[in-house]
C-alpha cells in the first residue's frame, strides 16, 4: 500500500490502528506583477483568471506535500480528514494550509 490521503475520517477498506496526531503543511504565496496585469485585463472582459487558478493549484499541491512529509516523519502511512484553509497575510499574499490527522492504517479484507 502506498501513502493514503483522504478527506474521509474512516476510509472504506481500511482500519485505523493508531492515531499519531495533527499534521499541517502550508505555503504563503505572493502575486506576481505579470500575472496581475493579465488578471486585470481578464477582469475587464470577464472569465476565469487562469493565472491565479494555476498559482492556487501549485500552492495547494505544495501544502499537501509538506503535510505528507510531516506525517511520514511521525511514521504515518495515511492522513485522514484532510481539509484546506486560506487566509490573507498581507496585500497581495495569501496562505494555503492543508491539515489532517496522521494515522497508521491497515487494509481490511472485504467480502
C-alpha atoms as a PDB file:
ATOM      1  CA  UNK A   1       0.000   0.000   0.000  1.00  0.00           C
ATOM      2  CA  UNK A   2       1.203   3.495  -0.814  1.00  0.00           C
ATOM      3  CA  UNK A   3       0.528   6.584   1.262  1.00  0.00           C
ATOM      4  CA  UNK A   4      -3.212   7.228   1.708  1.00  0.00           C
ATOM      5  CA  UNK A   5      -4.588  10.768   1.865  1.00  0.00           C
ATOM      6  CA  UNK A   6      -8.319  11.358   2.128  1.00  0.00           C
ATOM      7  CA  UNK A   7     -10.933  13.816   3.302  1.00  0.00           C
ATOM      8  CA  UNK A   8     -12.817  10.914   4.896  1.00  0.00           C
ATOM      9  CA  UNK A   9     -12.473  10.247   8.611  1.00  0.00           C
ATOM     10  CA  UNK A  10     -12.809   6.461   8.209  1.00  0.00           C
ATOM     11  CA  UNK A  11     -11.882   5.398   4.663  1.00  0.00           C
ATOM     12  CA  UNK A  12     -13.645   2.226   3.476  1.00  0.00           C
ATOM     13  CA  UNK A  13     -11.373  -0.791   3.227  1.00  0.00           C
ATOM     14  CA  UNK A  14      -9.002   0.469   5.935  1.00  0.00           C
ATOM     15  CA  UNK A  15      -8.834   0.189   9.689  1.00  0.00           C
ATOM     16  CA  UNK A  16      -7.113   2.913  11.722  1.00  0.00           C
ATOM     17  CA  UNK A  17      -4.778   1.117  14.126  1.00  0.00           C
ATOM     18  CA  UNK A  18      -3.004   4.150  15.586  1.00  0.00           C
ATOM     19  CA  UNK A  19      -3.615   7.891  15.644  1.00  0.00           C
ATOM     20  CA  UNK A  20      -0.408   9.951  15.566  1.00  0.00           C
ATOM     21  CA  UNK A  21      -1.885  13.438  15.678  1.00  0.00           C
ATOM     22  CA  UNK A  22      -2.492  16.612  13.724  1.00  0.00           C
ATOM     23  CA  UNK A  23      -0.247  17.351  10.755  1.00  0.00           C
ATOM     24  CA  UNK A  24      -0.099  20.516   8.687  1.00  0.00           C
ATOM     25  CA  UNK A  25       1.531  21.857   5.594  1.00  0.00           C
ATOM     26  CA  UNK A  26       1.395  25.425   4.412  1.00  0.00           C
ATOM     27  CA  UNK A  27       2.759  27.895   1.937  1.00  0.00           C
ATOM     28  CA  UNK A  28       2.466  31.649   1.578  1.00  0.00           C
ATOM     29  CA  UNK A  29       2.393  32.909  -1.962  1.00  0.00           C
ATOM     30  CA  UNK A  30       2.557  36.438  -3.302  1.00  0.00           C
ATOM     31  CA  UNK A  31       1.029  37.622  -6.519  1.00  0.00           C
ATOM     32  CA  UNK A  32       3.304  38.325  -9.464  1.00  0.00           C
ATOM     33  CA  UNK A  33       3.141  41.658 -11.285  1.00  0.00           C
ATOM     34  CA  UNK A  34       2.970  39.928 -14.681  1.00  0.00           C
ATOM     35  CA  UNK A  35       0.065  37.774 -13.544  1.00  0.00           C
ATOM     36  CA  UNK A  36      -1.623  40.836 -12.044  1.00  0.00           C
ATOM     37  CA  UNK A  37      -1.541  42.650 -15.382  1.00  0.00           C
ATOM     38  CA  UNK A  38      -3.003  39.655 -17.223  1.00  0.00           C
ATOM     39  CA  UNK A  39      -5.599  39.167 -14.473  1.00  0.00           C
ATOM     40  CA  UNK A  40      -6.605  42.818 -14.603  1.00  0.00           C
ATOM     41  CA  UNK A  41      -7.197  42.587 -18.352  1.00  0.00           C
ATOM     42  CA  UNK A  42      -9.247  39.412 -17.931  1.00  0.00           C
ATOM     43  CA  UNK A  43     -11.225  41.073 -15.129  1.00  0.00           C
ATOM     44  CA  UNK A  44     -12.374  43.711 -17.589  1.00  0.00           C
ATOM     45  CA  UNK A  45     -13.783  41.209 -20.099  1.00  0.00           C
ATOM     46  CA  UNK A  46     -14.805  38.540 -17.576  1.00  0.00           C
ATOM     47  CA  UNK A  47     -13.988  34.872 -17.330  1.00  0.00           C
ATOM     48  CA  UNK A  48     -11.684  32.665 -15.323  1.00  0.00           C
ATOM     49  CA  UNK A  49      -8.405  34.185 -14.197  1.00  0.00           C
ATOM     50  CA  UNK A  50      -6.246  31.240 -15.200  1.00  0.00           C
ATOM     51  CA  UNK A  51      -3.032  32.787 -13.874  1.00  0.00           C
ATOM     52  CA  UNK A  52      -4.421  32.767 -10.325  1.00  0.00           C
ATOM     53  CA  UNK A  53      -6.071  29.374 -10.748  1.00  0.00           C
ATOM     54  CA  UNK A  54      -2.680  27.858 -11.594  1.00  0.00           C
ATOM     55  CA  UNK A  55      -0.978  29.709  -8.720  1.00  0.00           C
ATOM     56  CA  UNK A  56      -3.515  28.345  -6.219  1.00  0.00           C
ATOM     57  CA  UNK A  57      -3.265  24.853  -7.704  1.00  0.00           C
ATOM     58  CA  UNK A  58       0.517  24.866  -7.230  1.00  0.00           C
ATOM     59  CA  UNK A  59       0.121  26.246  -3.708  1.00  0.00           C
ATOM     60  CA  UNK A  60      -2.344  23.506  -2.701  1.00  0.00           C
ATOM     61  CA  UNK A  61      -0.034  20.841  -4.117  1.00  0.00           C
ATOM     62  CA  UNK A  62       2.924  22.200  -2.127  1.00  0.00           C
ATOM     63  CA  UNK A  63       0.875  22.438   1.087  1.00  0.00           C
ATOM     64  CA  UNK A  64      -0.235  18.803   0.643  1.00  0.00           C
ATOM     65  CA  UNK A  65       3.334  17.645   0.023  1.00  0.00           C
ATOM     66  CA  UNK A  66       4.523  19.386   3.197  1.00  0.00           C
ATOM     67  CA  UNK A  67       1.683  17.863   5.212  1.00  0.00           C
ATOM     68  CA  UNK A  68       2.563  14.385   3.926  1.00  0.00           C
ATOM     69  CA  UNK A  69       6.258  14.911   4.778  1.00  0.00           C
ATOM     70  CA  UNK A  70       5.306  15.802   8.358  1.00  0.00           C
ATOM     71  CA  UNK A  71       3.058  12.731   8.600  1.00  0.00           C
ATOM     72  CA  UNK A  72       5.804  10.437   7.303  1.00  0.00           C
ATOM     73  CA  UNK A  73       8.231  11.846   9.891  1.00  0.00           C
ATOM     74  CA  UNK A  74       5.741  10.700  12.545  1.00  0.00           C
ATOM     75  CA  UNK A  75       5.656   7.217  10.987  1.00  0.00           C
ATOM     76  CA  UNK A  76       2.203   7.529   9.425  1.00  0.00           C
ATOM     77  CA  UNK A  77       1.101   5.752   6.279  1.00  0.00           C
ATOM     78  CA  UNK A  78      -2.060   7.858   5.882  1.00  0.00           C
ATOM     79  CA  UNK A  79      -3.637  11.225   6.608  1.00  0.00           C
ATOM     80  CA  UNK A  80      -7.390  11.263   7.152  1.00  0.00           C
ATOM     81  CA  UNK A  81      -9.857  14.128   7.499  1.00  0.00           C
ATOM     82  CA  UNK A  82      -7.823  16.388   5.216  1.00  0.00           C
ATOM     83  CA  UNK A  83      -9.035  19.963   4.982  1.00  0.00           C
ATOM     84  CA  UNK A  84      -7.801  23.220   3.450  1.00  0.00           C
ATOM     85  CA  UNK A  85      -7.831  26.765   4.722  1.00  0.00           C
ATOM     86  CA  UNK A  86      -6.795  30.015   3.106  1.00  0.00           C
ATOM     87  CA  UNK A  87      -6.137  33.401   4.614  1.00  0.00           C
ATOM     88  CA  UNK A  88      -4.823  36.725   3.505  1.00  0.00           C
ATOM     89  CA  UNK A  89      -1.477  37.528   5.084  1.00  0.00           C
ATOM     90  CA  UNK A  90      -0.987  40.978   3.586  1.00  0.00           C
ATOM     91  CA  UNK A  91      -1.965  42.800   0.436  1.00  0.00           C
ATOM     92  CA  UNK A  92      -1.123  40.500  -2.463  1.00  0.00           C
ATOM     93  CA  UNK A  93      -0.086  37.469  -0.354  1.00  0.00           C
ATOM     94  CA  UNK A  94      -2.129  34.533   0.866  1.00  0.00           C
ATOM     95  CA  UNK A  95      -1.542  31.397   2.906  1.00  0.00           C
ATOM     96  CA  UNK A  96      -2.780  27.975   1.853  1.00  0.00           C
ATOM     97  CA  UNK A  97      -2.934  25.499   4.750  1.00  0.00           C
ATOM     98  CA  UNK A  98      -3.566  21.755   4.426  1.00  0.00           C
ATOM     99  CA  UNK A  99      -4.237  19.812   7.617  1.00  0.00           C
ATOM    100  CA  UNK A 100      -5.451  16.436   8.756  1.00  0.00           C
ATOM    101  CA  UNK A 101      -4.836  13.588  11.174  1.00  0.00           C
ATOM    102  CA  UNK A 102      -1.770  11.398  10.691  1.00  0.00           C
ATOM    103  CA  UNK A 103      -2.607   7.740  11.255  1.00  0.00           C
ATOM    104  CA  UNK A 104      -1.391   4.236  10.676  1.00  0.00           C
ATOM    105  CA  UNK A 105      -3.914   2.172   8.745  1.00  0.00           C
ATOM    106  CA  UNK A 106      -4.185  -1.451   7.744  1.00  0.00           C
ATOM    107  CA  UNK A 107      -6.159  -2.758   4.804  1.00  0.00           C
ATOM    108  CA  UNK A 108      -9.206  -4.747   5.816  1.00  0.00           C
ATOM    109  CA  UNK A 109     -10.376  -7.837   3.976  1.00  0.00           C
ATOM    110  CA  UNK A 110     -13.563  -7.030   2.134  1.00  0.00           C
ATOM    111  CA  UNK A 111     -16.000  -9.833   1.483  1.00  0.00           C
END
